[in-house]
Amino acid sequence: MKIIVYRDAGTWRIEGHSRLIRTLARLEGVTTVKAQLILDAYLAKVVDPKEFGRSETYRRVLSECKLETLALLECITEYRDFCGY
């Protein structure tokens, strides 16, 4: 599985989003809502560190994640910036 995170007109988008959310939920044993929060926190950490630093929730969510989940996110995420400005 490869997840491609790209920016389109200033907005970050994710290809393979629903499959990733289901996989994260299974790995962590959580709901898809919590899995979405994990993904949001991870992306904030790597894409927008300032936002991550301001968010106590994001820091807490990632600190509670299994190491396997974080390793998976790191391995499968590819960033592309297709900004046309």
N, C-alpha and C. Protein backbone atom coordinates (compact mmCIF):
# COMPACT_ATOMS: atom_id res chain seq x y z
N MET A 1 0.86 -1.17 0.00
CA MET A 1 0.00 0.00 0.00
C MET A 1 0.90 1.23 0.00
N LYS A 2 0.60 2.18 -0.85
CA LYS A 2 1.33 3.43 -0.88
C LYS A 2 0.31 4.55 -0.79
N ILE A 3 0.51 5.45 0.15
CA ILE A 3 -0.38 6.58 0.31
C ILE A 3 0.33 7.80 -0.24
N ILE A 4 -0.31 8.51 -1.13
CA ILE A 4 0.29 9.70 -1.71
C ILE A 4 -0.43 10.92 -1.15
N VAL A 5 0.35 11.76 -0.51
CA VAL A 5 -0.17 13.01 0.04
C VAL A 5 0.31 14.12 -0.89
N TYR A 6 -0.61 14.89 -1.41
CA TYR A 6 -0.21 15.93 -2.32
C TYR A 6 -0.98 17.22 -2.03
N ARG A 7 -0.42 18.31 -2.51
CA ARG A 7 -1.04 19.60 -2.30
C ARG A 7 -1.60 20.08 -3.62
N ASP A 8 -2.85 20.45 -3.58
CA ASP A 8 -3.54 20.92 -4.78
C ASP A 8 -4.19 22.24 -4.41
N ALA A 9 -3.72 23.30 -5.04
CA ALA A 9 -4.24 24.64 -4.78
C ALA A 9 -4.18 25.00 -3.29
N GLY A 10 -3.09 24.60 -2.66
CA GLY A 10 -2.88 24.96 -1.26
C GLY A 10 -3.53 24.05 -0.25
N THR A 11 -4.26 23.03 -0.71
CA THR A 11 -4.94 22.09 0.20
C THR A 11 -4.28 20.73 0.10
N TRP A 12 -3.95 20.13 1.26
CA TRP A 12 -3.37 18.80 1.25
C TRP A 12 -4.47 17.78 1.03
N ARG A 13 -4.22 16.85 0.11
CA ARG A 13 -5.16 15.78 -0.20
C ARG A 13 -4.45 14.43 -0.08
N ILE A 14 -5.22 13.38 0.12
CA ILE A 14 -4.63 12.06 0.31
C ILE A 14 -5.29 11.07 -0.64
N GLU A 15 -4.47 10.40 -1.46
CA GLU A 15 -4.97 9.31 -2.29
C GLU A 15 -4.96 8.04 -1.45
N GLY A 16 -5.98 7.23 -1.54
CA GLY A 16 -6.05 6.00 -0.77
C GLY A 16 -6.50 6.24 0.66
N HIS A 17 -7.17 7.34 0.89
CA HIS A 17 -7.54 7.79 2.22
C HIS A 17 -8.41 6.80 2.99
N SER A 18 -9.49 6.33 2.39
CA SER A 18 -10.42 5.47 3.14
C SER A 18 -9.78 4.13 3.50
N ARG A 19 -8.96 3.60 2.60
CA ARG A 19 -8.28 2.34 2.90
C ARG A 19 -7.28 2.52 4.04
N LEU A 20 -6.59 3.63 4.04
CA LEU A 20 -5.63 3.91 5.10
C LEU A 20 -6.34 4.04 6.45
N ILE A 21 -7.46 4.74 6.48
CA ILE A 21 -8.20 4.92 7.73
C ILE A 21 -8.64 3.57 8.28
N ARG A 22 -9.16 2.71 7.42
CA ARG A 22 -9.58 1.38 7.88
C ARG A 22 -8.40 0.56 8.40
N THR A 23 -7.26 0.66 7.73
CA THR A 23 -6.06 -0.06 8.16
C THR A 23 -5.57 0.46 9.51
N LEU A 24 -5.53 1.77 9.67
CA LEU A 24 -5.11 2.35 10.95
C LEU A 24 -6.05 1.93 12.08
N ALA A 25 -7.34 1.93 11.80
CA ALA A 25 -8.31 1.54 12.83
C ALA A 25 -8.08 0.10 13.27
N ARG A 26 -7.83 -0.78 12.31
CA ARG A 26 -7.56 -2.18 12.66
C ARG A 26 -6.26 -2.32 13.46
N LEU A 27 -5.22 -1.65 13.01
CA LEU A 27 -3.92 -1.74 13.70
C LEU A 27 -3.99 -1.25 15.15
N GLU A 28 -4.69 -0.15 15.33
CA GLU A 28 -4.76 0.47 16.65
C GLU A 28 -5.90 -0.08 17.50
N GLY A 29 -6.84 -0.76 16.87
CA GLY A 29 -8.01 -1.25 17.61
C GLY A 29 -8.92 -0.12 18.04
N VAL A 30 -9.08 0.86 17.13
CA VAL A 30 -9.90 2.04 17.43
C VAL A 30 -10.94 2.24 16.34
N THR A 31 -11.80 3.22 16.54
CA THR A 31 -12.81 3.56 15.53
C THR A 31 -12.13 4.28 14.38
N THR A 32 -12.85 4.40 13.27
CA THR A 32 -12.31 5.14 12.13
C THR A 32 -12.18 6.62 12.45
N VAL A 33 -13.01 7.13 13.34
CA VAL A 33 -12.91 8.54 13.75
C VAL A 33 -11.57 8.78 14.45
N LYS A 34 -11.21 7.88 15.36
CA LYS A 34 -9.92 8.00 16.06
C LYS A 34 -8.78 7.79 15.07
N ALA A 35 -8.94 6.88 14.12
CA ALA A 35 -7.91 6.65 13.11
C ALA A 35 -7.69 7.91 12.27
N GLN A 36 -8.76 8.62 11.96
CA GLN A 36 -8.63 9.88 11.21
C GLN A 36 -7.84 10.89 12.03
N LEU A 37 -8.08 10.94 13.32
CA LEU A 37 -7.34 11.85 14.20
C LEU A 37 -5.86 11.49 14.23
N ILE A 38 -5.55 10.20 14.24
CA ILE A 38 -4.15 9.75 14.19
C ILE A 38 -3.49 10.24 12.90
N LEU A 39 -4.19 10.06 11.78
CA LEU A 39 -3.64 10.50 10.50
C LEU A 39 -3.46 12.02 10.48
N ASP A 40 -4.44 12.75 10.96
CA ASP A 40 -4.33 14.21 11.01
C ASP A 40 -3.13 14.65 11.83
N ALA A 41 -2.94 13.99 12.97
CA ALA A 41 -1.83 14.32 13.86
C ALA A 41 -0.49 14.02 13.18
N TYR A 42 -0.41 12.87 12.53
CA TYR A 42 0.83 12.49 11.85
C TYR A 42 1.16 13.49 10.74
N LEU A 43 0.17 13.82 9.93
CA LEU A 43 0.41 14.75 8.83
C LEU A 43 0.78 16.14 9.35
N ALA A 44 0.15 16.56 10.43
CA ALA A 44 0.51 17.85 11.02
C ALA A 44 1.97 17.83 11.47
N LYS A 45 2.39 16.72 12.02
CA LYS A 45 3.77 16.61 12.52
C LYS A 45 4.78 16.74 11.38
N VAL A 46 4.52 16.07 10.26
CA VAL A 46 5.51 16.06 9.18
C VAL A 46 5.31 17.17 8.15
N VAL A 47 4.08 17.62 7.96
CA VAL A 47 3.80 18.61 6.94
C VAL A 47 3.75 20.02 7.52
N ASP A 48 3.23 20.16 8.72
CA ASP A 48 3.06 21.47 9.34
C ASP A 48 3.47 21.41 10.81
N PRO A 49 4.78 21.36 11.07
CA PRO A 49 5.25 21.22 12.46
C PRO A 49 4.77 22.31 13.41
N LYS A 50 4.54 23.51 12.90
CA LYS A 50 4.04 24.59 13.78
C LYS A 50 2.65 24.24 14.31
N GLU A 51 1.79 23.75 13.42
CA GLU A 51 0.45 23.34 13.84
C GLU A 51 0.53 22.20 14.84
N PHE A 52 1.40 21.25 14.57
CA PHE A 52 1.57 20.11 15.49
C PHE A 52 2.02 20.60 16.86
N GLY A 53 2.95 21.53 16.88
CA GLY A 53 3.46 22.06 18.14
C GLY A 53 2.42 22.78 18.97
N ARG A 54 1.44 23.36 18.29
CA ARG A 54 0.38 24.10 19.00
C ARG A 54 -0.73 23.19 19.49
N SER A 55 -0.77 21.97 19.01
CA SER A 55 -1.91 21.11 19.31
C SER A 55 -1.56 20.05 20.36
N GLU A 56 -2.07 20.24 21.55
CA GLU A 56 -1.90 19.25 22.62
C GLU A 56 -2.56 17.93 22.23
N THR A 57 -3.69 18.00 21.57
CA THR A 57 -4.41 16.80 21.14
C THR A 57 -3.56 15.97 20.19
N TYR A 58 -2.98 16.62 19.17
CA TYR A 58 -2.14 15.89 18.22
C TYR A 58 -0.96 15.23 18.90
N ARG A 59 -0.30 15.95 19.79
CA ARG A 59 0.85 15.37 20.49
C ARG A 59 0.43 14.16 21.34
N ARG A 60 -0.70 14.29 22.02
CA ARG A 60 -1.19 13.20 22.87
C ARG A 60 -1.56 11.98 22.02
N VAL A 61 -2.26 12.22 20.92
CA VAL A 61 -2.70 11.12 20.05
C VAL A 61 -1.50 10.33 19.53
N LEU A 62 -0.47 11.02 19.07
CA LEU A 62 0.69 10.30 18.55
C LEU A 62 1.48 9.62 19.65
N SER A 63 1.50 10.20 20.82
CA SER A 63 2.24 9.55 21.91
C SER A 63 1.56 8.26 22.36
N GLU A 64 0.25 8.14 22.11
CA GLU A 64 -0.50 6.94 22.48
C GLU A 64 -0.49 5.86 21.39
N CYS A 65 0.02 6.20 20.21
CA CYS A 65 0.03 5.25 19.09
C CYS A 65 1.05 4.16 19.30
N LYS A 66 0.76 3.03 18.70
CA LYS A 66 1.72 1.93 18.68
C LYS A 66 2.88 2.32 17.75
N LEU A 67 4.07 1.88 18.07
CA LEU A 67 5.23 2.17 17.23
C LEU A 67 5.05 1.61 15.83
N GLU A 68 4.38 0.48 15.73
CA GLU A 68 4.14 -0.14 14.42
C GLU A 68 3.30 0.76 13.52
N THR A 69 2.34 1.43 14.13
CA THR A 69 1.47 2.33 13.36
C THR A 69 2.26 3.51 12.83
N LEU A 70 3.09 4.10 13.68
CA LEU A 70 3.91 5.23 13.24
C LEU A 70 4.91 4.81 12.17
N ALA A 71 5.48 3.63 12.32
CA ALA A 71 6.41 3.12 11.32
C ALA A 71 5.71 2.91 9.98
N LEU A 72 4.49 2.37 10.03
CA LEU A 72 3.72 2.17 8.81
C LEU A 72 3.46 3.50 8.12
N LEU A 73 3.02 4.49 8.86
CA LEU A 73 2.75 5.80 8.28
C LEU A 73 4.01 6.38 7.64
N GLU A 74 5.12 6.22 8.30
CA GLU A 74 6.37 6.76 7.77
C GLU A 74 6.78 6.05 6.48
N CYS A 75 6.60 4.75 6.44
CA CYS A 75 7.02 3.97 5.27
C CYS A 75 6.14 4.17 4.05
N ILE A 76 4.86 4.33 4.25
CA ILE A 76 3.94 4.33 3.11
C ILE A 76 3.59 5.71 2.60
N THR A 77 4.02 6.74 3.28
CA THR A 77 3.60 8.08 2.90
C THR A 77 4.60 8.72 1.95
N GLU A 78 4.09 9.21 0.87
CA GLU A 78 4.91 9.92 -0.13
C GLU A 78 4.28 11.30 -0.31
N TYR A 79 5.12 12.31 -0.31
CA TYR A 79 4.62 13.68 -0.43
C TYR A 79 4.93 14.23 -1.80
N ARG A 80 3.94 14.89 -2.37
CA ARG A 80 4.12 15.55 -3.66
C ARG A 80 3.50 16.93 -3.55
N ASP A 81 4.17 17.89 -4.10
CA ASP A 81 3.64 19.25 -4.09
C ASP A 81 3.41 19.67 -5.53
N PHE A 82 2.14 19.63 -5.95
CA PHE A 82 1.78 19.99 -7.31
C PHE A 82 1.28 21.42 -7.39
N CYS A 83 1.69 22.23 -6.45
CA CYS A 83 1.24 23.62 -6.43
C CYS A 83 1.60 24.31 -7.72
N GLY A 84 0.65 24.97 -8.27
CA GLY A 84 0.90 25.66 -9.52
C GLY A 84 1.07 27.15 -9.37
N TYR A 85 1.37 27.63 -8.16
CA TYR A 85 1.50 29.07 -8.07
C TYR A 85 2.92 29.50 -8.05
